[in-house]
Amino acid sequence: RDNAKNMVYLQMNSLKPEDTAVYFCAARGSPGSDYISRSRYE
């Protein structure tokens, strides 16, 4: 991420056919926390 530019990136190397998908960016408010949730519902 580059907070100064308000950007997030995903560098993908050695791509495989099983990586085929629609890719979504998502944001979660994190006041005082650095917990990276793997749940889409959060």
PDB file of all heavy atoms in Angstrom:
ATOM      1  N   ARG A   1       0.834  -1.193   0.000  1.00  0.00           N
ATOM      2  CA  ARG A   1       0.000   0.000   0.000  1.00  0.00           C
ATOM      3  C   ARG A   1       0.865   1.237   0.000  1.00  0.00           C
ATOM      4  O   ARG A   1       2.007   1.228   0.464  1.00  0.00           O
ATOM      5  CB  ARG A   1      -0.935  -0.001   1.197  1.00  0.00           C
ATOM      6  CG  ARG A   1      -0.249   0.132   2.539  1.00  0.00           C
ATOM      7  CD  ARG A   1      -1.229  -0.148   3.693  1.00  0.00           C
ATOM      8  NE  ARG A   1      -2.296   0.843   3.736  1.00  0.00           N
ATOM      9  CZ  ARG A   1      -3.465   0.635   4.344  1.00  0.00           C
ATOM     10  NH1 ARG A   1      -3.705  -0.512   4.941  1.00  0.00           N
ATOM     11  NH2 ARG A   1      -4.380   1.583   4.360  1.00  0.00           N
ATOM     12  N   ASP A   2       0.294   2.331  -0.503  1.00  0.00           N
ATOM     13  CA  ASP A   2       0.920   3.638  -0.474  1.00  0.00           C
ATOM     14  C   ASP A   2      -0.144   4.595   0.051  1.00  0.00           C
ATOM     15  O   ASP A   2      -0.991   5.072  -0.709  1.00  0.00           O
ATOM     16  CB  ASP A   2       1.390   4.033  -1.872  1.00  0.00           C
ATOM     17  CG  ASP A   2       2.188   5.324  -1.883  1.00  0.00           C
ATOM     18  OD1 ASP A   2       1.993   6.162  -0.967  1.00  0.00           O
ATOM     19  OD2 ASP A   2       2.984   5.512  -2.805  1.00  0.00           O
ATOM     20  N   ASN A   3      -0.104   4.856   1.336  1.00  0.00           N
ATOM     21  CA  ASN A   3      -1.144   5.692   1.938  1.00  0.00           C
ATOM     22  C   ASN A   3      -1.105   7.127   1.407  1.00  0.00           C
ATOM     23  O   ASN A   3      -2.145   7.787   1.322  1.00  0.00           O
ATOM     24  CB  ASN A   3      -1.000   5.685   3.463  1.00  0.00           C
ATOM     25  CG  ASN A   3      -1.468   4.373   4.074  1.00  0.00           C
ATOM     26  OD1 ASN A   3      -2.180   3.599   3.447  1.00  0.00           O
ATOM     27  ND2 ASN A   3      -1.051   4.120   5.300  1.00  0.00           N
ATOM     28  N   ALA A   4       0.065   7.607   1.053  1.00  0.00           N
ATOM     29  CA  ALA A   4       0.170   8.969   0.519  1.00  0.00           C
ATOM     30  C   ALA A   4      -0.570   9.104  -0.808  1.00  0.00           C
ATOM     31  O   ALA A   4      -1.110  10.169  -1.124  1.00  0.00           O
ATOM     32  CB  ALA A   4       1.636   9.348   0.353  1.00  0.00           C
ATOM     33  N   LYS A   5      -0.597   8.003  -1.575  1.00  0.00           N
ATOM     34  CA  LYS A   5      -1.292   8.012  -2.862  1.00  0.00           C
ATOM     35  C   LYS A   5      -2.692   7.422  -2.765  1.00  0.00           C
ATOM     36  O   LYS A   5      -3.396   7.349  -3.774  1.00  0.00           O
ATOM     37  CB  LYS A   5      -0.480   7.229  -3.904  1.00  0.00           C
ATOM     38  CG  LYS A   5       0.854   7.869  -4.251  1.00  0.00           C
ATOM     39  CD  LYS A   5       1.579   7.067  -5.339  1.00  0.00           C
ATOM     40  CE  LYS A   5       2.889   7.741  -5.706  1.00  0.00           C
ATOM     41  NZ  LYS A   5       3.625   6.969  -6.745  1.00  0.00           N
ATOM     42  N   ASN A   6      -3.046   6.950  -1.576  1.00  0.00           N
ATOM     43  CA  ASN A   6      -4.374   6.339  -1.388  1.00  0.00           C
ATOM     44  C   ASN A   6      -4.553   5.108  -2.276  1.00  0.00           C
ATOM     45  O   ASN A   6      -5.631   4.902  -2.860  1.00  0.00           O
ATOM     46  CB  ASN A   6      -5.478   7.351  -1.689  1.00  0.00           C
ATOM     47  CG  ASN A   6      -6.374   7.615  -0.493  1.00  0.00           C
ATOM     48  OD1 ASN A   6      -6.123   7.127   0.616  1.00  0.00           O
ATOM     49  ND2 ASN A   6      -7.426   8.383  -0.705  1.00  0.00           N
ATOM     50  N   MET A   7      -3.499   4.295  -2.360  1.00  0.00           N
ATOM     51  CA  MET A   7      -3.495   3.148  -3.266  1.00  0.00           C
ATOM     52  C   MET A   7      -3.091   1.869  -2.542  1.00  0.00           C
ATOM     53  O   MET A   7      -2.288   1.883  -1.601  1.00  0.00           O
ATOM     54  CB  MET A   7      -2.505   3.365  -4.407  1.00  0.00           C
ATOM     55  CG  MET A   7      -2.819   4.542  -5.327  1.00  0.00           C
ATOM     56  SD  MET A   7      -4.235   4.231  -6.401  1.00  0.00           S
ATOM     57  CE  MET A   7      -3.599   2.890  -7.410  1.00  0.00           C
ATOM     58  N   VAL A   8      -3.642   0.758  -3.022  1.00  0.00           N
ATOM     59  CA  VAL A   8      -3.260  -0.576  -2.568  1.00  0.00           C
ATOM     60  C   VAL A   8      -2.969  -1.406  -3.819  1.00  0.00           C
ATOM     61  O   VAL A   8      -3.645  -1.241  -4.840  1.00  0.00           O
ATOM     62  CB  VAL A   8      -4.370  -1.242  -1.739  1.00  0.00           C
ATOM     63  CG1 VAL A   8      -3.931  -2.629  -1.261  1.00  0.00           C
ATOM     64  CG2 VAL A   8      -4.740  -0.377  -0.559  1.00  0.00           C
ATOM     65  N   TYR A   9      -1.983  -2.282  -3.716  1.00  0.00           N
ATOM     66  CA  TYR A   9      -1.567  -3.056  -4.873  1.00  0.00           C
ATOM     67  C   TYR A   9      -1.535  -4.545  -4.539  1.00  0.00           C
ATOM     68  O   TYR A   9      -1.353  -4.943  -3.390  1.00  0.00           O
ATOM     69  CB  TYR A   9      -0.172  -2.626  -5.331  1.00  0.00           C
ATOM     70  CG  TYR A   9      -0.047  -1.148  -5.587  1.00  0.00           C
ATOM     71  CD1 TYR A   9       0.504  -0.307  -4.629  1.00  0.00           C
ATOM     72  CD2 TYR A   9      -0.486  -0.591  -6.781  1.00  0.00           C
ATOM     73  CE1 TYR A   9       0.617   1.054  -4.846  1.00  0.00           C
ATOM     74  CE2 TYR A   9      -0.374   0.774  -7.014  1.00  0.00           C
ATOM     75  CZ  TYR A   9       0.181   1.597  -6.046  1.00  0.00           C
ATOM     76  OH  TYR A   9       0.285   2.940  -6.279  1.00  0.00           O
ATOM     77  N   LEU A  10      -1.681  -5.356  -5.579  1.00  0.00           N
ATOM     78  CA  LEU A  10      -1.481  -6.792  -5.454  1.00  0.00           C
ATOM     79  C   LEU A  10      -0.596  -7.226  -6.605  1.00  0.00           C
ATOM     80  O   LEU A  10      -1.039  -7.243  -7.754  1.00  0.00           O
ATOM     81  CB  LEU A  10      -2.805  -7.561  -5.477  1.00  0.00           C
ATOM     82  CG  LEU A  10      -2.669  -9.073  -5.234  1.00  0.00           C
ATOM     83  CD1 LEU A  10      -2.232  -9.344  -3.788  1.00  0.00           C
ATOM     84  CD2 LEU A  10      -4.001  -9.795  -5.519  1.00  0.00           C
ATOM     85  N   GLN A  11       0.655  -7.529  -6.283  1.00  0.00           N
ATOM     86  CA  GLN A  11       1.584  -8.036  -7.276  1.00  0.00           C
ATOM     87  C   GLN A  11       1.422  -9.552  -7.338  1.00  0.00           C
ATOM     88  O   GLN A  11       1.591 -10.239  -6.327  1.00  0.00           O
ATOM     89  CB  GLN A  11       3.019  -7.671  -6.904  1.00  0.00           C
ATOM     90  CG  GLN A  11       4.062  -8.229  -7.851  1.00  0.00           C
ATOM     91  CD  GLN A  11       3.981  -7.624  -9.246  1.00  0.00           C
ATOM     92  OE1 GLN A  11       3.784  -6.416  -9.385  1.00  0.00           O
ATOM     93  NE2 GLN A  11       4.105  -8.441 -10.275  1.00  0.00           N
ATOM     94  N   MET A  12       1.112 -10.051  -8.522  1.00  0.00           N
ATOM     95  CA  MET A  12       0.861 -11.477  -8.699  1.00  0.00           C
ATOM     96  C   MET A  12       1.890 -12.057  -9.665  1.00  0.00           C
ATOM     97  O   MET A  12       1.965 -11.621 -10.822  1.00  0.00           O
ATOM     98  CB  MET A  12      -0.558 -11.693  -9.237  1.00  0.00           C
ATOM     99  CG  MET A  12      -1.642 -11.050  -8.379  1.00  0.00           C
ATOM    100  SD  MET A  12      -3.307 -11.447  -8.926  1.00  0.00           S
ATOM    101  CE  MET A  12      -3.338 -10.631 -10.511  1.00  0.00           C
ATOM    102  N   ASN A  13       2.677 -12.981  -9.174  1.00  0.00           N
ATOM    103  CA  ASN A  13       3.703 -13.643  -9.991  1.00  0.00           C
ATOM    104  C   ASN A  13       3.368 -15.117 -10.159  1.00  0.00           C
ATOM    105  O   ASN A  13       2.594 -15.680  -9.389  1.00  0.00           O
ATOM    106  CB  ASN A  13       5.075 -13.481  -9.341  1.00  0.00           C
ATOM    107  CG  ASN A  13       5.502 -12.040  -9.210  1.00  0.00           C
ATOM    108  OD1 ASN A  13       5.159 -11.189 -10.037  1.00  0.00           O
ATOM    109  ND2 ASN A  13       6.259 -11.745  -8.167  1.00  0.00           N
ATOM    110  N   SER A  14       3.986 -15.726 -11.150  1.00  0.00           N
ATOM    111  CA  SER A  14       3.807 -17.164 -11.402  1.00  0.00           C
ATOM    112  C   SER A  14       2.328 -17.537 -11.418  1.00  0.00           C
ATOM    113  O   SER A  14       1.898 -18.483 -10.731  1.00  0.00           O
ATOM    114  CB  SER A  14       4.553 -17.984 -10.335  1.00  0.00           C
ATOM    115  OG  SER A  14       5.923 -17.666 -10.321  1.00  0.00           O
ATOM    116  N   LEU A  15       1.569 -16.814 -12.176  1.00  0.00           N
ATOM    117  CA  LEU A  15       0.127 -17.025 -12.196  1.00  0.00           C
ATOM    118  C   LEU A  15      -0.230 -18.406 -12.742  1.00  0.00           C
ATOM    119  O   LEU A  15       0.443 -18.940 -13.638  1.00  0.00           O
ATOM    120  CB  LEU A  15      -0.552 -15.940 -13.028  1.00  0.00           C
ATOM    121  CG  LEU A  15      -0.707 -14.601 -12.299  1.00  0.00           C
ATOM    122  CD1 LEU A  15      -0.934 -13.463 -13.266  1.00  0.00           C
ATOM    123  CD2 LEU A  15      -1.841 -14.681 -11.294  1.00  0.00           C
ATOM    124  N   LYS A  16      -1.300 -18.962 -12.178  1.00  0.00           N
ATOM    125  CA  LYS A  16      -1.787 -20.281 -12.557  1.00  0.00           C
ATOM    126  C   LYS A  16      -3.225 -20.170 -13.050  1.00  0.00           C
ATOM    127  O   LYS A  16      -3.938 -19.237 -12.659  1.00  0.00           O
ATOM    128  CB  LYS A  16      -1.745 -21.219 -11.348  1.00  0.00           C
ATOM    129  CG  LYS A  16      -0.388 -21.342 -10.679  1.00  0.00           C
ATOM    130  CD  LYS A  16      -0.494 -22.187  -9.419  1.00  0.00           C
ATOM    131  CE  LYS A  16       0.847 -22.303  -8.716  1.00  0.00           C
ATOM    132  NZ  LYS A  16       0.753 -23.121  -7.480  1.00  0.00           N
ATOM    133  N   PRO A  17      -3.684 -21.110 -13.854  1.00  0.00           N
ATOM    134  CA  PRO A  17      -5.089 -21.065 -14.304  1.00  0.00           C
ATOM    135  C   PRO A  17      -6.071 -21.005 -13.142  1.00  0.00           C
ATOM    136  O   PRO A  17      -7.122 -20.360 -13.257  1.00  0.00           O
ATOM    137  CB  PRO A  17      -5.227 -22.354 -15.112  1.00  0.00           C
ATOM    138  CG  PRO A  17      -3.862 -22.605 -15.642  1.00  0.00           C
ATOM    139  CD  PRO A  17      -2.930 -22.168 -14.544  1.00  0.00           C
ATOM    140  N   GLU A  18      -5.737 -21.633 -12.025  1.00  0.00           N
ATOM    141  CA  GLU A  18      -6.647 -21.611 -10.871  1.00  0.00           C
ATOM    142  C   GLU A  18      -6.700 -20.252 -10.167  1.00  0.00           C
ATOM    143  O   GLU A  18      -7.493 -20.060  -9.249  1.00  0.00           O
ATOM    144  CB  GLU A  18      -6.277 -22.708  -9.860  1.00  0.00           C
ATOM    145  CG  GLU A  18      -4.815 -22.734  -9.452  1.00  0.00           C
ATOM    146  CD  GLU A  18      -4.007 -23.744 -10.247  1.00  0.00           C
ATOM    147  OE1 GLU A  18      -4.188 -23.819 -11.487  1.00  0.00           O
ATOM    148  OE2 GLU A  18      -3.174 -24.433  -9.619  1.00  0.00           O
ATOM    149  N   ASP A  19      -5.873 -19.309 -10.597  1.00  0.00           N
ATOM    150  CA  ASP A  19      -5.962 -17.943 -10.074  1.00  0.00           C
ATOM    151  C   ASP A  19      -7.028 -17.134 -10.807  1.00  0.00           C
ATOM    152  O   ASP A  19      -7.307 -15.989 -10.445  1.00  0.00           O
ATOM    153  CB  ASP A  19      -4.618 -17.230 -10.210  1.00  0.00           C
ATOM    154  CG  ASP A  19      -3.536 -17.842  -9.345  1.00  0.00           C
ATOM    155  OD1 ASP A  19      -3.829 -18.197  -8.180  1.00  0.00           O
ATOM    156  OD2 ASP A  19      -2.382 -17.956  -9.819  1.00  0.00           O
ATOM    157  N   THR A  20      -7.617 -17.707 -11.846  1.00  0.00           N
ATOM    158  CA  THR A  20      -8.653 -17.018 -12.603  1.00  0.00           C
ATOM    159  C   THR A  20      -9.845 -16.705 -11.709  1.00  0.00           C
ATOM    160  O   THR A  20     -10.400 -17.594 -11.054  1.00  0.00           O
ATOM    161  CB  THR A  20      -9.109 -17.880 -13.787  1.00  0.00           C
ATOM    162  OG1 THR A  20      -8.023 -18.024 -14.707  1.00  0.00           O
ATOM    163  CG2 THR A  20     -10.296 -17.248 -14.504  1.00  0.00           C
ATOM    164  N   ALA A  21     -10.217 -15.422 -11.664  1.00  0.00           N
ATOM    165  CA  ALA A  21     -11.307 -14.980 -10.785  1.00  0.00           C
ATOM    166  C   ALA A  21     -11.516 -13.482 -10.969  1.00  0.00           C
ATOM    167  O   ALA A  21     -10.699 -12.805 -11.603  1.00  0.00           O
ATOM    168  CB  ALA A  21     -10.977 -15.275  -9.322  1.00  0.00           C
ATOM    169  N   VAL A  22     -12.593 -12.998 -10.392  1.00  0.00           N
ATOM    170  CA  VAL A  22     -12.762 -11.561 -10.224  1.00  0.00           C
ATOM    171  C   VAL A  22     -12.095 -11.195  -8.894  1.00  0.00           C
ATOM    172  O   VAL A  22     -12.377 -11.822  -7.864  1.00  0.00           O
ATOM    173  CB  VAL A  22     -14.239 -11.152 -10.220  1.00  0.00           C
ATOM    174  CG1 VAL A  22     -14.377  -9.648  -9.978  1.00  0.00           C
ATOM    175  CG2 VAL A  22     -14.904 -11.542 -11.535  1.00  0.00           C
ATOM    176  N   TYR A  23     -11.231 -10.210  -8.935  1.00  0.00           N
ATOM    177  CA  TYR A  23     -10.483  -9.791  -7.742  1.00  0.00           C
ATOM    178  C   TYR A  23     -11.083  -8.494  -7.201  1.00  0.00           C
ATOM    179  O   TYR A  23     -11.299  -7.541  -7.948  1.00  0.00           O
ATOM    180  CB  TYR A  23      -9.012  -9.594  -8.077  1.00  0.00           C
ATOM    181  CG  TYR A  23      -8.271 -10.908  -8.197  1.00  0.00           C
ATOM    182  CD1 TYR A  23      -8.493 -11.755  -9.287  1.00  0.00           C
ATOM    183  CD2 TYR A  23      -7.376 -11.326  -7.214  1.00  0.00           C
ATOM    184  CE1 TYR A  23      -7.842 -12.976  -9.389  1.00  0.00           C
ATOM    185  CE2 TYR A  23      -6.719 -12.538  -7.311  1.00  0.00           C
ATOM    186  CZ  TYR A  23      -6.960 -13.357  -8.401  1.00  0.00           C
ATOM    187  OH  TYR A  23      -6.301 -14.571  -8.499  1.00  0.00           O
ATOM    188  N   PHE A  24     -11.314  -8.498  -5.895  1.00  0.00           N
ATOM    189  CA  PHE A  24     -11.939  -7.372  -5.211  1.00  0.00           C
ATOM    190  C   PHE A  24     -10.998  -6.796  -4.164  1.00  0.00           C
ATOM    191  O   PHE A  24     -10.332  -7.532  -3.446  1.00  0.00           O
ATOM    192  CB  PHE A  24     -13.218  -7.818  -4.506  1.00  0.00           C
ATOM    193  CG  PHE A  24     -14.294  -8.338  -5.423  1.00  0.00           C
ATOM    194  CD1 PHE A  24     -14.355  -9.693  -5.743  1.00  0.00           C
ATOM    195  CD2 PHE A  24     -15.261  -7.485  -5.934  1.00  0.00           C
ATOM    196  CE1 PHE A  24     -15.349 -10.184  -6.560  1.00  0.00           C
ATOM    197  CE2 PHE A  24     -16.262  -7.966  -6.757  1.00  0.00           C
ATOM    198  CZ  PHE A  24     -16.301  -9.319  -7.082  1.00  0.00           C
ATOM    199  N   CYS A  25     -11.029  -5.491  -4.070  1.00  0.00           N
ATOM    200  CA  CYS A  25     -10.340  -4.769  -3.009  1.00  0.00           C
ATOM    201  C   CYS A  25     -11.369  -4.449  -1.926  1.00  0.00           C
ATOM    202  O   CYS A  25     -12.532  -4.132  -2.237  1.00  0.00           O
ATOM    203  CB  CYS A  25      -9.757  -3.489  -3.602  1.00  0.00           C
ATOM    204  SG  CYS A  25      -8.935  -2.399  -2.443  1.00  0.00           S
ATOM    205  N   ALA A  26     -10.963  -4.529  -0.670  1.00  0.00           N
ATOM    206  CA  ALA A  26     -11.891  -4.288   0.431  1.00  0.00           C
ATOM    207  C   ALA A  26     -11.189  -3.543   1.561  1.00  0.00           C
ATOM    208  O   ALA A  26      -9.972  -3.651   1.726  1.00  0.00           O
ATOM    209  CB  ALA A  26     -12.447  -5.616   0.941  1.00  0.00           C
ATOM    210  N   ALA A  27     -11.973  -2.808   2.335  1.00  0.00           N
ATOM    211  CA  ALA A  27     -11.435  -2.017   3.442  1.00  0.00           C
ATOM    212  C   ALA A  27     -12.204  -2.304   4.722  1.00  0.00           C
ATOM    213  O   ALA A  27     -13.430  -2.491   4.708  1.00  0.00           O
ATOM    214  CB  ALA A  27     -11.496  -0.535   3.107  1.00  0.00           C
ATOM    215  N   ARG A  28     -11.457  -2.305   5.799  1.00  0.00           N
ATOM    216  CA  ARG A  28     -12.045  -2.560   7.123  1.00  0.00           C
ATOM    217  C   ARG A  28     -11.454  -1.561   8.121  1.00  0.00           C
ATOM    218  O   ARG A  28     -10.239  -1.441   8.229  1.00  0.00           O
ATOM    219  CB  ARG A  28     -11.718  -3.981   7.567  1.00  0.00           C
ATOM    220  CG  ARG A  28     -12.106  -4.344   8.970  1.00  0.00           C
ATOM    221  CD  ARG A  28     -11.824  -5.818   9.236  1.00  0.00           C
ATOM    222  NE  ARG A  28     -12.220  -6.177  10.589  1.00  0.00           N
ATOM    223  CZ  ARG A  28     -11.372  -6.248  11.606  1.00  0.00           C
ATOM    224  NH1 ARG A  28     -10.100  -6.018  11.413  1.00  0.00           N
ATOM    225  NH2 ARG A  28     -11.806  -6.569  12.803  1.00  0.00           N
ATOM    226  N   GLY A  29     -12.338  -0.854   8.805  1.00  0.00           N
ATOM    227  CA  GLY A  29     -11.871   0.090   9.796  1.00  0.00           C
ATOM    228  C   GLY A  29     -11.113  -0.622  10.896  1.00  0.00           C
ATOM    229  O   GLY A  29     -11.491  -1.710  11.320  1.00  0.00           O
ATOM    230  N   SER A  30     -10.013  -0.018  11.352  1.00  0.00           N
ATOM    231  CA  SER A  30      -9.169  -0.731  12.312  1.00  0.00           C
ATOM    232  C   SER A  30      -8.655   0.176  13.421  1.00  0.00           C
ATOM    233  O   SER A  30      -7.453   0.226  13.664  1.00  0.00           O
ATOM    234  CB  SER A  30      -7.983  -1.353  11.601  1.00  0.00           C
ATOM    235  OG  SER A  30      -7.147  -0.320  11.055  1.00  0.00           O
ATOM    236  N   PRO A  31      -9.545   0.881  14.097  1.00  0.00           N
ATOM    237  CA  PRO A  31      -9.047   1.774  15.142  1.00  0.00           C
ATOM    238  C   PRO A  31      -8.340   1.003  16.246  1.00  0.00           C
ATOM    239  O   PRO A  31      -8.941   0.184  16.924  1.00  0.00           O
ATOM    240  CB  PRO A  31     -10.323   2.471  15.643  1.00  0.00           C
ATOM    241  CG  PRO A  31     -11.427   1.555  15.245  1.00  0.00           C
ATOM    242  CD  PRO A  31     -10.995   0.886  13.993  1.00  0.00           C
ATOM    243  N   GLY A  32      -7.056   1.207  16.384  1.00  0.00           N
ATOM    244  CA  GLY A  32      -6.293   0.572  17.441  1.00  0.00           C
ATOM    245  C   GLY A  32      -6.009  -0.902  17.250  1.00  0.00           C
ATOM    246  O   GLY A  32      -5.556  -1.576  18.175  1.00  0.00           O
ATOM    247  N   SER A  33      -6.240  -1.435  16.059  1.00  0.00           N
ATOM    248  CA  SER A  33      -6.050  -2.864  15.851  1.00  0.00           C
ATOM    249  C   SER A  33      -5.283  -3.120  14.561  1.00  0.00           C
ATOM    250  O   SER A  33      -5.469  -2.421  13.576  1.00  0.00           O
ATOM    251  CB  SER A  33      -7.402  -3.585  15.786  1.00  0.00           C
ATOM    252  OG  SER A  33      -7.230  -4.933  15.381  1.00  0.00           O
ATOM    253  N   ASP A  34      -4.442  -4.138  14.557  1.00  0.00           N
ATOM    254  CA  ASP A  34      -3.763  -4.567  13.346  1.00  0.00           C
ATOM    255  C   ASP A  34      -4.155  -5.989  12.965  1.00  0.00           C
ATOM    256  O   ASP A  34      -3.406  -6.692  12.311  1.00  0.00           O
ATOM    257  CB  ASP A  34      -2.236  -4.482  13.530  1.00  0.00           C
ATOM    258  CG  ASP A  34      -1.705  -3.095  13.228  1.00  0.00           C
ATOM    259  OD1 ASP A  34      -2.461  -2.305  12.645  1.00  0.00           O
ATOM    260  OD2 ASP A  34      -0.558  -2.815  13.597  1.00  0.00           O
ATOM    261  N   TYR A  35      -5.333  -6.399  13.367  1.00  0.00           N
ATOM    262  CA  TYR A  35      -5.807  -7.751  13.059  1.00  0.00           C
ATOM    263  C   TYR A  35      -6.296  -7.802  11.625  1.00  0.00           C
ATOM    264  O   TYR A  35      -7.202  -7.066  11.232  1.00  0.00           O
ATOM    265  CB  TYR A  35      -6.936  -8.137  14.013  1.00  0.00           C
ATOM    266  CG  TYR A  35      -7.633  -9.417  13.635  1.00  0.00           C
ATOM    267  CD1 TYR A  35      -6.958 -10.631  13.661  1.00  0.00           C
ATOM    268  CD2 TYR A  35      -8.967  -9.416  13.239  1.00  0.00           C
ATOM    269  CE1 TYR A  35      -7.598 -11.804  13.304  1.00  0.00           C
ATOM    270  CE2 TYR A  35      -9.608 -10.576  12.880  1.00  0.00           C
ATOM    271  CZ  TYR A  35      -8.920 -11.772  12.923  1.00  0.00           C
ATOM    272  OH  TYR A  35      -9.550 -12.922  12.570  1.00  0.00           O
ATOM    273  N   ILE A  36      -5.702  -8.659  10.819  1.00  0.00           N
ATOM    274  CA  ILE A  36      -6.098  -8.815   9.414  1.00  0.00           C
ATOM    275  C   ILE A  36      -7.093  -9.955   9.332  1.00  0.00           C
ATOM    276  O   ILE A  36      -6.718 -11.129   9.408  1.00  0.00           O
ATOM    277  CB  ILE A  36      -4.874  -9.095   8.522  1.00  0.00           C
ATOM    278  CG1 ILE A  36      -3.872  -7.944   8.596  1.00  0.00           C
ATOM    279  CG2 ILE A  36      -5.319  -9.294   7.062  1.00  0.00           C
ATOM    280  CD1 ILE A  36      -2.573  -8.198   7.851  1.00  0.00           C
ATOM    281  N   SER A  37      -8.348  -9.615   9.176  1.00  0.00           N
ATOM    282  CA  SER A  37      -9.384 -10.634   9.108  1.00  0.00           C
ATOM    283  C   SER A  37      -9.415 -11.272   7.726  1.00  0.00           C
ATOM    284  O   SER A  37      -9.241 -10.599   6.707  1.00  0.00           O
ATOM    285  CB  SER A  37     -10.750 -10.018   9.418  1.00  0.00           C
ATOM    286  OG  SER A  37     -11.771 -10.969   9.195  1.00  0.00           O
ATOM    287  N   ARG A  38      -9.661 -12.578   7.696  1.00  0.00           N
ATOM    288  CA  ARG A  38      -9.823 -13.289   6.430  1.00  0.00           C
ATOM    289  C   ARG A  38     -11.291 -13.470   6.054  1.00  0.00           C
ATOM    290  O   ARG A  38     -11.610 -14.079   5.035  1.00  0.00           O
ATOM    291  CB  ARG A  38      -9.140 -14.660   6.516  1.00  0.00           C
ATOM    292  CG  ARG A  38      -7.633 -14.581   6.547  1.00  0.00           C
ATOM    293  CD  ARG A  38      -7.015 -15.921   6.841  1.00  0.00           C
ATOM    294  NE  ARG A  38      -7.232 -16.329   8.229  1.00  0.00           N
ATOM    295  CZ  ARG A  38      -6.905 -17.504   8.719  1.00  0.00           C
ATOM    296  NH1 ARG A  38      -6.399 -18.429   7.939  1.00  0.00           N
ATOM    297  NH2 ARG A  38      -7.110 -17.776   9.991  1.00  0.00           N
ATOM    298  N   SER A  39     -12.177 -12.929   6.883  1.00  0.00           N
ATOM    299  CA  SER A  39     -13.604 -13.081   6.629  1.00  0.00           C
ATOM    300  C   SER A  39     -14.125 -11.924   5.805  1.00  0.00           C
ATOM    301  O   SER A  39     -13.975 -10.756   6.192  1.00  0.00           O
ATOM    302  CB  SER A  39     -14.372 -13.149   7.952  1.00  0.00           C
ATOM    303  OG  SER A  39     -15.757 -13.066   7.710  1.00  0.00           O
ATOM    304  N   ARG A  40     -14.795 -12.218   4.712  1.00  0.00           N
ATOM    305  CA  ARG A  40     -15.342 -11.167   3.857  1.00  0.00           C
ATOM    306  C   ARG A  40     -16.388 -10.339   4.602  1.00  0.00           C
ATOM    307  O   ARG A  40     -16.619  -9.179   4.278  1.00  0.00           O
ATOM    308  CB  ARG A  40     -15.976 -11.795   2.612  1.00  0.00           C
ATOM    309  CG  ARG A  40     -17.064 -12.792   2.915  1.00  0.00           C
ATOM    310  CD  ARG A  40     -17.719 -13.334   1.673  1.00  0.00           C
ATOM    311  NE  ARG A  40     -18.545 -12.322   1.019  1.00  0.00           N
ATOM    312  CZ  ARG A  40     -19.399 -12.574   0.049  1.00  0.00           C
ATOM    313  NH1 ARG A  40     -19.530 -13.805  -0.408  1.00  0.00           N
ATOM    314  NH2 ARG A  40     -20.106 -11.598  -0.500  1.00  0.00           N
ATOM    315  N   TYR A  41     -17.013 -10.942   5.597  1.00  0.00           N
ATOM    316  CA  TYR A  41     -18.101 -10.262   6.311  1.00  0.00           C
ATOM    317  C   TYR A  41     -17.596  -9.169   7.247  1.00  0.00           C
ATOM    318  O   TYR A  41     -18.388  -8.384   7.761  1.00  0.00           O
ATOM    319  CB  TYR A  41     -18.928 -11.288   7.061  1.00  0.00           C
ATOM    320  CG  TYR A  41     -19.523 -12.327   6.132  1.00  0.00           C
ATOM    321  CD1 TYR A  41     -19.004 -13.617   6.064  1.00  0.00           C
ATOM    322  CD2 TYR A  41     -20.568 -11.995   5.275  1.00  0.00           C
ATOM    323  CE1 TYR A  41     -19.522 -14.556   5.182  1.00  0.00           C
ATOM    324  CE2 TYR A  41     -21.091 -12.927   4.390  1.00  0.00           C
ATOM    325  CZ  TYR A  41     -20.562 -14.199   4.353  1.00  0.00           C
ATOM    326  OH  TYR A  41     -21.065 -15.123   3.469  1.00  0.00           O
ATOM    327  N   GLU A  42     -16.300  -9.110   7.469  1.00  0.00           N
ATOM    328  CA  GLU A  42     -15.750  -8.082   8.345  1.00  0.00           C
ATOM    329  C   GLU A  42     -15.216  -6.891   7.569  1.00  0.00           C
ATOM    330  O   GLU A  42     -14.609  -5.999   8.154  1.00  0.00           O
ATOM    331  CB  GLU A  42     -14.656  -8.688   9.230  1.00  0.00           C
ATOM    332  CG  GLU A  42     -15.198  -9.736  10.200  1.00  0.00           C
ATOM    333  CD  GLU A  42     -14.194 -10.131  11.278  1.00  0.00           C
ATOM    334  OE1 GLU A  42     -13.238  -9.374  11.512  1.00  0.00           O
ATOM    335  OE2 GLU A  42     -14.372 -11.207  11.869  1.00  0.00           O
TER     336      GLU A  42
END
